[in-house]
N, C-alpha and C. Protein backbone atom coordinates (compact mmCIF):
# COMPACT_ATOMS: atom_id res chain seq x y z
N MET A 1 13.20 -3.15 -4.31
CA MET A 1 11.91 -2.73 -4.85
C MET A 1 12.06 -1.38 -5.52
N SER A 2 11.62 -1.28 -6.73
CA SER A 2 11.63 -0.02 -7.45
C SER A 2 10.20 0.52 -7.48
N ALA A 3 10.01 1.70 -6.90
CA ALA A 3 8.67 2.27 -6.84
C ALA A 3 8.69 3.68 -7.40
N LYS A 4 7.72 3.97 -8.23
CA LYS A 4 7.58 5.29 -8.82
C LYS A 4 6.82 6.24 -7.90
N PHE A 5 6.02 5.69 -6.98
CA PHE A 5 5.16 6.50 -6.12
C PHE A 5 5.61 6.40 -4.67
N SER A 6 5.55 7.52 -3.96
CA SER A 6 5.79 7.52 -2.52
C SER A 6 4.97 8.63 -1.87
N THR A 7 4.79 8.49 -0.57
CA THR A 7 4.10 9.50 0.22
C THR A 7 4.82 9.62 1.56
N GLU A 8 4.68 10.76 2.20
CA GLU A 8 5.36 11.00 3.48
C GLU A 8 4.38 10.91 4.64
N ILE A 9 4.88 10.38 5.75
CA ILE A 9 4.11 10.28 6.98
C ILE A 9 5.02 10.70 8.14
N ARG A 10 4.54 11.65 8.94
CA ARG A 10 5.29 12.06 10.13
C ARG A 10 4.81 11.21 11.30
N VAL A 11 5.74 10.61 12.03
CA VAL A 11 5.40 9.75 13.17
C VAL A 11 4.79 10.60 14.28
N ARG A 12 3.59 10.21 14.71
CA ARG A 12 2.90 10.91 15.80
C ARG A 12 3.19 10.20 17.12
N LEU A 13 3.15 10.95 18.21
CA LEU A 13 3.49 10.42 19.52
C LEU A 13 2.69 9.16 19.89
N PRO A 14 1.36 9.10 19.66
CA PRO A 14 0.63 7.89 20.06
C PRO A 14 1.01 6.64 19.27
N GLU A 15 1.80 6.81 18.21
CA GLU A 15 2.22 5.66 17.40
C GLU A 15 3.50 5.01 17.94
N THR A 16 4.04 5.58 18.99
CA THR A 16 5.28 5.04 19.57
C THR A 16 4.98 4.22 20.82
N ASP A 17 5.88 3.28 21.11
CA ASP A 17 5.69 2.41 22.28
C ASP A 17 6.54 2.90 23.45
N SER A 18 6.62 2.10 24.50
CA SER A 18 7.34 2.49 25.71
C SER A 18 8.85 2.62 25.48
N LEU A 19 9.35 2.08 24.39
CA LEU A 19 10.77 2.22 24.05
C LEU A 19 11.03 3.45 23.20
N GLY A 20 9.94 4.16 22.83
CA GLY A 20 10.07 5.37 22.04
C GLY A 20 10.17 5.15 20.54
N VAL A 21 9.88 3.94 20.09
CA VAL A 21 9.91 3.65 18.65
C VAL A 21 8.50 3.35 18.15
N VAL A 22 8.33 3.43 16.85
CA VAL A 22 7.01 3.17 16.26
C VAL A 22 6.58 1.74 16.59
N TYR A 23 5.40 1.63 17.14
CA TYR A 23 4.80 0.33 17.44
C TYR A 23 4.61 -0.43 16.13
N HIS A 24 4.96 -1.71 16.12
CA HIS A 24 4.96 -2.49 14.88
C HIS A 24 3.60 -2.50 14.17
N GLY A 25 2.52 -2.49 14.90
CA GLY A 25 1.19 -2.53 14.29
C GLY A 25 0.85 -1.30 13.46
N CYS A 26 1.54 -0.19 13.74
CA CYS A 26 1.27 1.05 12.99
C CYS A 26 1.71 0.96 11.54
N PHE A 27 2.64 0.06 11.25
CA PHE A 27 3.13 -0.02 9.87
C PHE A 27 2.05 -0.47 8.90
N LEU A 28 1.11 -1.30 9.33
CA LEU A 28 0.02 -1.69 8.43
C LEU A 28 -0.85 -0.47 8.11
N THR A 29 -1.02 0.41 9.08
CA THR A 29 -1.74 1.66 8.82
C THR A 29 -0.95 2.52 7.84
N TYR A 30 0.36 2.62 8.02
CA TYR A 30 1.19 3.40 7.10
C TYR A 30 1.07 2.84 5.68
N PHE A 31 1.08 1.52 5.56
CA PHE A 31 0.94 0.90 4.24
C PHE A 31 -0.41 1.27 3.62
N ASP A 32 -1.45 1.24 4.43
CA ASP A 32 -2.79 1.55 3.91
C ASP A 32 -2.90 3.02 3.50
N VAL A 33 -2.31 3.92 4.27
CA VAL A 33 -2.30 5.34 3.90
C VAL A 33 -1.60 5.51 2.56
N ALA A 34 -0.46 4.85 2.39
CA ALA A 34 0.28 4.94 1.13
C ALA A 34 -0.51 4.35 -0.03
N ARG A 35 -1.19 3.24 0.22
CA ARG A 35 -2.00 2.62 -0.83
C ARG A 35 -3.13 3.55 -1.27
N MET A 36 -3.78 4.20 -0.31
CA MET A 36 -4.86 5.14 -0.64
C MET A 36 -4.31 6.34 -1.42
N ASP A 37 -3.16 6.86 -1.01
CA ASP A 37 -2.54 7.97 -1.74
C ASP A 37 -2.17 7.55 -3.16
N TYR A 38 -1.69 6.34 -3.30
CA TYR A 38 -1.36 5.78 -4.63
C TYR A 38 -2.61 5.74 -5.51
N LEU A 39 -3.68 5.18 -4.98
CA LEU A 39 -4.93 5.08 -5.74
C LEU A 39 -5.48 6.46 -6.07
N ARG A 40 -5.39 7.39 -5.12
CA ARG A 40 -5.85 8.76 -5.36
C ARG A 40 -5.05 9.39 -6.50
N SER A 41 -3.75 9.17 -6.52
CA SER A 41 -2.90 9.76 -7.56
C SER A 41 -3.23 9.22 -8.95
N LEU A 42 -3.78 8.01 -9.01
CA LEU A 42 -4.18 7.41 -10.29
C LEU A 42 -5.64 7.68 -10.64
N GLY A 43 -6.33 8.44 -9.78
CA GLY A 43 -7.74 8.74 -10.04
C GLY A 43 -8.67 7.57 -9.76
N LEU A 44 -8.23 6.61 -8.96
CA LEU A 44 -9.02 5.41 -8.70
C LEU A 44 -9.73 5.41 -7.35
N LEU A 45 -9.41 6.35 -6.49
CA LEU A 45 -9.95 6.32 -5.14
C LEU A 45 -11.45 6.58 -5.09
N GLU A 46 -11.95 7.45 -5.93
CA GLU A 46 -13.37 7.82 -5.89
C GLU A 46 -14.29 6.61 -6.08
N LYS A 47 -13.89 5.67 -6.94
CA LYS A 47 -14.71 4.46 -7.14
C LYS A 47 -14.81 3.65 -5.84
N PHE A 48 -13.73 3.65 -5.05
CA PHE A 48 -13.76 2.94 -3.77
C PHE A 48 -14.66 3.68 -2.79
N ARG A 49 -14.57 4.99 -2.79
CA ARG A 49 -15.36 5.79 -1.86
C ARG A 49 -16.85 5.64 -2.14
N ARG A 50 -17.21 5.50 -3.41
CA ARG A 50 -18.63 5.34 -3.79
C ARG A 50 -19.09 3.89 -3.66
N GLY A 51 -18.18 2.97 -3.34
CA GLY A 51 -18.55 1.57 -3.19
C GLY A 51 -18.65 0.82 -4.50
N GLU A 52 -18.14 1.39 -5.59
CA GLU A 52 -18.21 0.72 -6.89
C GLU A 52 -17.12 -0.34 -7.05
N SER A 53 -16.03 -0.18 -6.36
CA SER A 53 -14.92 -1.14 -6.43
C SER A 53 -14.58 -1.59 -5.02
N LEU A 54 -15.24 -2.63 -4.57
CA LEU A 54 -14.99 -3.13 -3.23
C LEU A 54 -13.87 -4.17 -3.26
N ASN A 55 -13.02 -4.12 -2.24
CA ASN A 55 -12.00 -5.16 -2.13
C ASN A 55 -11.72 -5.44 -0.66
N LEU A 56 -11.24 -6.62 -0.42
CA LEU A 56 -10.90 -7.06 0.93
C LEU A 56 -9.40 -7.33 1.01
N VAL A 57 -8.82 -7.05 2.16
CA VAL A 57 -7.44 -7.43 2.40
C VAL A 57 -7.45 -8.92 2.73
N VAL A 58 -6.70 -9.70 1.96
CA VAL A 58 -6.61 -11.13 2.22
C VAL A 58 -5.24 -11.54 2.73
N HIS A 59 -4.29 -10.60 2.66
CA HIS A 59 -2.95 -10.84 3.21
C HIS A 59 -2.31 -9.49 3.52
N ALA A 60 -1.61 -9.43 4.64
CA ALA A 60 -0.80 -8.25 4.97
C ALA A 60 0.36 -8.73 5.83
N SER A 61 1.55 -8.24 5.52
CA SER A 61 2.72 -8.61 6.31
C SER A 61 3.73 -7.48 6.30
N ALA A 62 4.61 -7.50 7.30
CA ALA A 62 5.65 -6.48 7.40
C ALA A 62 6.91 -7.11 7.96
N ASP A 63 8.04 -6.61 7.47
CA ASP A 63 9.35 -6.98 7.98
C ASP A 63 10.01 -5.70 8.47
N PHE A 64 10.55 -5.74 9.67
CA PHE A 64 11.09 -4.54 10.31
C PHE A 64 12.61 -4.57 10.24
N ARG A 65 13.19 -3.46 9.79
CA ARG A 65 14.63 -3.39 9.56
C ARG A 65 15.37 -2.48 10.53
N SER A 66 14.75 -1.37 10.94
CA SER A 66 15.37 -0.45 11.88
C SER A 66 14.29 0.42 12.51
N PRO A 67 14.56 1.02 13.66
CA PRO A 67 13.51 1.77 14.36
C PRO A 67 13.24 3.15 13.74
N ALA A 68 12.02 3.60 13.94
CA ALA A 68 11.62 4.97 13.63
C ALA A 68 11.06 5.55 14.92
N ARG A 69 11.22 6.86 15.08
CA ARG A 69 10.84 7.50 16.34
C ARG A 69 9.90 8.68 16.13
N PHE A 70 9.34 9.15 17.21
CA PHE A 70 8.42 10.29 17.21
C PHE A 70 9.00 11.46 16.41
N ASP A 71 8.15 12.04 15.59
CA ASP A 71 8.39 13.24 14.79
C ASP A 71 9.33 13.03 13.60
N GLU A 72 9.80 11.82 13.40
CA GLU A 72 10.59 11.57 12.19
C GLU A 72 9.65 11.47 11.00
N VAL A 73 10.14 11.86 9.85
CA VAL A 73 9.34 11.77 8.63
C VAL A 73 9.74 10.50 7.88
N LEU A 74 8.74 9.68 7.62
CA LEU A 74 8.95 8.44 6.88
C LEU A 74 8.48 8.63 5.45
N VAL A 75 9.15 8.00 4.53
CA VAL A 75 8.73 7.98 3.14
C VAL A 75 8.27 6.55 2.86
N VAL A 76 7.00 6.40 2.49
CA VAL A 76 6.45 5.08 2.20
C VAL A 76 6.33 4.96 0.68
N HIS A 77 7.15 4.09 0.13
CA HIS A 77 7.15 3.81 -1.31
C HIS A 77 6.17 2.67 -1.55
N VAL A 78 5.40 2.78 -2.61
CA VAL A 78 4.40 1.73 -2.89
C VAL A 78 4.37 1.46 -4.38
N ARG A 79 4.18 0.20 -4.69
CA ARG A 79 3.98 -0.18 -6.09
C ARG A 79 3.07 -1.40 -6.14
N VAL A 80 2.42 -1.56 -7.27
CA VAL A 80 1.68 -2.80 -7.52
C VAL A 80 2.67 -3.77 -8.15
N ARG A 81 2.82 -4.92 -7.53
CA ARG A 81 3.75 -5.93 -8.03
C ARG A 81 3.06 -6.90 -8.99
N ARG A 82 1.78 -7.17 -8.71
CA ARG A 82 1.08 -8.17 -9.50
C ARG A 82 -0.40 -7.85 -9.55
N ILE A 83 -0.99 -8.08 -10.70
CA ILE A 83 -2.45 -8.03 -10.85
C ILE A 83 -2.87 -9.40 -11.33
N GLY A 84 -3.72 -10.04 -10.55
CA GLY A 84 -4.25 -11.34 -10.93
C GLY A 84 -5.63 -11.20 -11.54
N ASP A 85 -6.35 -12.30 -11.61
CA ASP A 85 -7.72 -12.25 -12.13
C ASP A 85 -8.62 -11.43 -11.20
N THR A 86 -8.50 -11.69 -9.88
CA THR A 86 -9.37 -11.04 -8.90
C THR A 86 -8.60 -10.28 -7.83
N SER A 87 -7.28 -10.31 -7.89
CA SER A 87 -6.50 -9.71 -6.80
C SER A 87 -5.41 -8.77 -7.31
N VAL A 88 -4.98 -7.90 -6.38
CA VAL A 88 -3.90 -6.96 -6.63
C VAL A 88 -2.91 -7.09 -5.48
N HIS A 89 -1.62 -7.20 -5.81
CA HIS A 89 -0.56 -7.36 -4.83
C HIS A 89 0.26 -6.08 -4.76
N PHE A 90 0.32 -5.49 -3.57
CA PHE A 90 1.08 -4.26 -3.34
C PHE A 90 2.36 -4.58 -2.57
N ASP A 91 3.44 -3.86 -2.90
CA ASP A 91 4.68 -3.91 -2.14
C ASP A 91 4.92 -2.54 -1.54
N PHE A 92 5.50 -2.52 -0.33
CA PHE A 92 5.77 -1.28 0.39
C PHE A 92 7.21 -1.29 0.89
N ARG A 93 7.81 -0.12 0.91
CA ARG A 93 9.15 0.07 1.46
C ARG A 93 9.13 1.39 2.21
N VAL A 94 9.48 1.35 3.49
CA VAL A 94 9.47 2.54 4.34
C VAL A 94 10.92 2.94 4.64
N THR A 95 11.24 4.20 4.33
CA THR A 95 12.58 4.71 4.61
C THR A 95 12.45 5.98 5.45
N LEU A 96 13.52 6.29 6.14
CA LEU A 96 13.59 7.54 6.90
C LEU A 96 13.97 8.65 5.93
N LYS A 97 13.19 9.72 5.89
CA LYS A 97 13.44 10.80 4.95
C LYS A 97 14.82 11.43 5.16
N ALA A 98 15.23 11.59 6.41
CA ALA A 98 16.47 12.31 6.72
C ALA A 98 17.71 11.67 6.12
N ASP A 99 17.76 10.33 6.12
CA ASP A 99 18.98 9.69 5.64
C ASP A 99 18.75 8.49 4.71
N GLY A 100 17.50 8.20 4.40
CA GLY A 100 17.20 7.09 3.48
C GLY A 100 17.31 5.71 4.10
N ARG A 101 17.53 5.65 5.40
CA ARG A 101 17.66 4.35 6.08
C ARG A 101 16.39 3.52 5.92
N LEU A 102 16.55 2.24 5.62
CA LEU A 102 15.41 1.33 5.48
C LEU A 102 14.83 1.03 6.86
N VAL A 103 13.53 1.28 7.02
CA VAL A 103 12.84 1.07 8.29
C VAL A 103 12.01 -0.21 8.25
N ALA A 104 11.25 -0.42 7.17
CA ALA A 104 10.38 -1.60 7.08
C ALA A 104 10.04 -1.87 5.62
N GLU A 105 9.63 -3.10 5.38
CA GLU A 105 9.12 -3.51 4.08
C GLU A 105 7.85 -4.31 4.31
N GLY A 106 6.96 -4.31 3.35
CA GLY A 106 5.73 -5.05 3.54
C GLY A 106 5.03 -5.38 2.25
N ARG A 107 3.96 -6.14 2.42
CA ARG A 107 3.14 -6.58 1.30
C ARG A 107 1.68 -6.64 1.72
N SER A 108 0.81 -6.43 0.76
CA SER A 108 -0.60 -6.69 1.01
C SER A 108 -1.23 -7.19 -0.29
N VAL A 109 -2.23 -8.03 -0.11
CA VAL A 109 -2.98 -8.56 -1.25
C VAL A 109 -4.44 -8.23 -1.02
N HIS A 110 -5.09 -7.70 -2.06
CA HIS A 110 -6.48 -7.27 -1.98
C HIS A 110 -7.27 -7.99 -3.06
N THR A 111 -8.40 -8.59 -2.67
CA THR A 111 -9.26 -9.28 -3.61
C THR A 111 -10.52 -8.46 -3.84
N PHE A 112 -10.83 -8.23 -5.11
CA PHE A 112 -12.05 -7.52 -5.46
C PHE A 112 -13.24 -8.45 -5.25
N ILE A 113 -14.35 -7.87 -4.77
CA ILE A 113 -15.54 -8.68 -4.49
C ILE A 113 -16.78 -8.01 -5.06
N ASP A 114 -17.80 -8.83 -5.28
CA ASP A 114 -19.12 -8.34 -5.66
C ASP A 114 -19.79 -7.84 -4.38
N SER A 115 -20.35 -6.63 -4.40
CA SER A 115 -20.91 -6.04 -3.18
C SER A 115 -22.15 -6.78 -2.68
N ALA A 116 -22.87 -7.47 -3.54
CA ALA A 116 -24.07 -8.17 -3.11
C ALA A 116 -23.77 -9.56 -2.57
N THR A 117 -22.87 -10.28 -3.24
CA THR A 117 -22.61 -11.67 -2.87
C THR A 117 -21.32 -11.89 -2.08
N TRP A 118 -20.45 -10.92 -2.09
CA TRP A 118 -19.12 -11.01 -1.49
C TRP A 118 -18.26 -12.09 -2.14
N GLU A 119 -18.61 -12.47 -3.34
CA GLU A 119 -17.81 -13.41 -4.10
C GLU A 119 -16.73 -12.65 -4.85
N PRO A 120 -15.56 -13.27 -5.07
CA PRO A 120 -14.51 -12.61 -5.84
C PRO A 120 -15.01 -12.22 -7.23
N ARG A 121 -14.53 -11.06 -7.70
CA ARG A 121 -14.87 -10.62 -9.05
C ARG A 121 -13.61 -10.13 -9.73
N ARG A 122 -13.63 -10.08 -11.02
CA ARG A 122 -12.46 -9.69 -11.80
C ARG A 122 -12.03 -8.26 -11.46
N VAL A 123 -10.72 -8.04 -11.45
CA VAL A 123 -10.20 -6.70 -11.25
C VAL A 123 -10.77 -5.82 -12.35
N PRO A 124 -11.37 -4.68 -12.01
CA PRO A 124 -11.97 -3.81 -13.03
C PRO A 124 -10.93 -3.39 -14.07
N GLU A 125 -11.36 -3.34 -15.32
CA GLU A 125 -10.46 -3.02 -16.42
C GLU A 125 -9.86 -1.62 -16.29
N ASP A 126 -10.65 -0.64 -15.80
CA ASP A 126 -10.09 0.70 -15.65
C ASP A 126 -9.01 0.74 -14.58
N PHE A 127 -9.16 -0.06 -13.53
CA PHE A 127 -8.14 -0.18 -12.49
C PHE A 127 -6.88 -0.79 -13.10
N ARG A 128 -7.05 -1.90 -13.79
CA ARG A 128 -5.93 -2.59 -14.42
C ARG A 128 -5.20 -1.66 -15.39
N ALA A 129 -5.94 -0.96 -16.23
CA ALA A 129 -5.33 -0.08 -17.23
C ALA A 129 -4.58 1.07 -16.59
N ALA A 130 -5.14 1.67 -15.55
CA ALA A 130 -4.49 2.81 -14.88
C ALA A 130 -3.18 2.37 -14.23
N VAL A 131 -3.18 1.22 -13.58
CA VAL A 131 -1.97 0.73 -12.93
C VAL A 131 -0.91 0.36 -13.97
N LEU A 132 -1.32 -0.34 -15.01
CA LEU A 132 -0.35 -0.73 -16.04
C LEU A 132 0.26 0.47 -16.74
N ALA A 133 -0.52 1.52 -16.92
CA ALA A 133 0.00 2.74 -17.56
C ALA A 133 0.97 3.49 -16.65
N PHE A 134 0.81 3.34 -15.34
CA PHE A 134 1.62 4.10 -14.38
C PHE A 134 2.92 3.41 -13.99
N GLU A 135 2.88 2.13 -13.74
CA GLU A 135 4.02 1.42 -13.16
C GLU A 135 5.24 1.42 -14.07
N VAL A 136 6.39 1.58 -13.45
CA VAL A 136 7.67 1.58 -14.18
C VAL A 136 8.11 0.15 -14.48
N SER A 137 8.14 -0.66 -13.45
CA SER A 137 8.61 -2.04 -13.59
C SER A 137 7.51 -2.91 -14.17
N PRO A 138 7.89 -3.91 -14.93
CA PRO A 138 6.88 -4.84 -15.45
C PRO A 138 6.16 -5.54 -14.31
N LEU A 139 4.89 -5.76 -14.48
CA LEU A 139 4.10 -6.47 -13.47
C LEU A 139 4.02 -7.94 -13.82
N ASP A 140 3.81 -8.73 -12.80
CA ASP A 140 3.46 -10.12 -12.99
C ASP A 140 1.96 -10.13 -13.18
N GLU A 141 1.52 -9.97 -14.44
CA GLU A 141 0.10 -9.80 -14.70
C GLU A 141 -0.52 -11.05 -15.24
N LYS A 142 -1.69 -11.37 -14.73
CA LYS A 142 -2.48 -12.49 -15.21
C LYS A 142 -3.74 -11.90 -15.82
N ALA A 143 -3.90 -12.01 -17.10
CA ALA A 143 -5.06 -11.42 -17.80
C ALA A 143 -6.32 -12.19 -17.56
């Protein structure tokens, strides 16, 4: 995965399990933090905060490659892989900052919805344009 954007997260003690490693469920939170930082960096977060661009998570998954522990700094790389008619597909790659070791990889799919009917709606053009202008790798885009 080639990603132009990344953000750092320091592992907090409550995120670790009895074996001293990051509990697997925390990675979905890490992905979401990275996604929000990505959107903020593109100037798109404010529309979500005001409720103008609502979306639902319709898929989320993670693959675990190696452990991370308390107080380690993780780098979460994020990119948009695909923009469909109503959905956006994000890819995530988590590495350990100290040595670049791969910790986890993941994906999430978000569908835009109408706030009144909760029916799927087209990905907003300003969202589409901002992502297409930013991403390095070509997207699998459906116009």
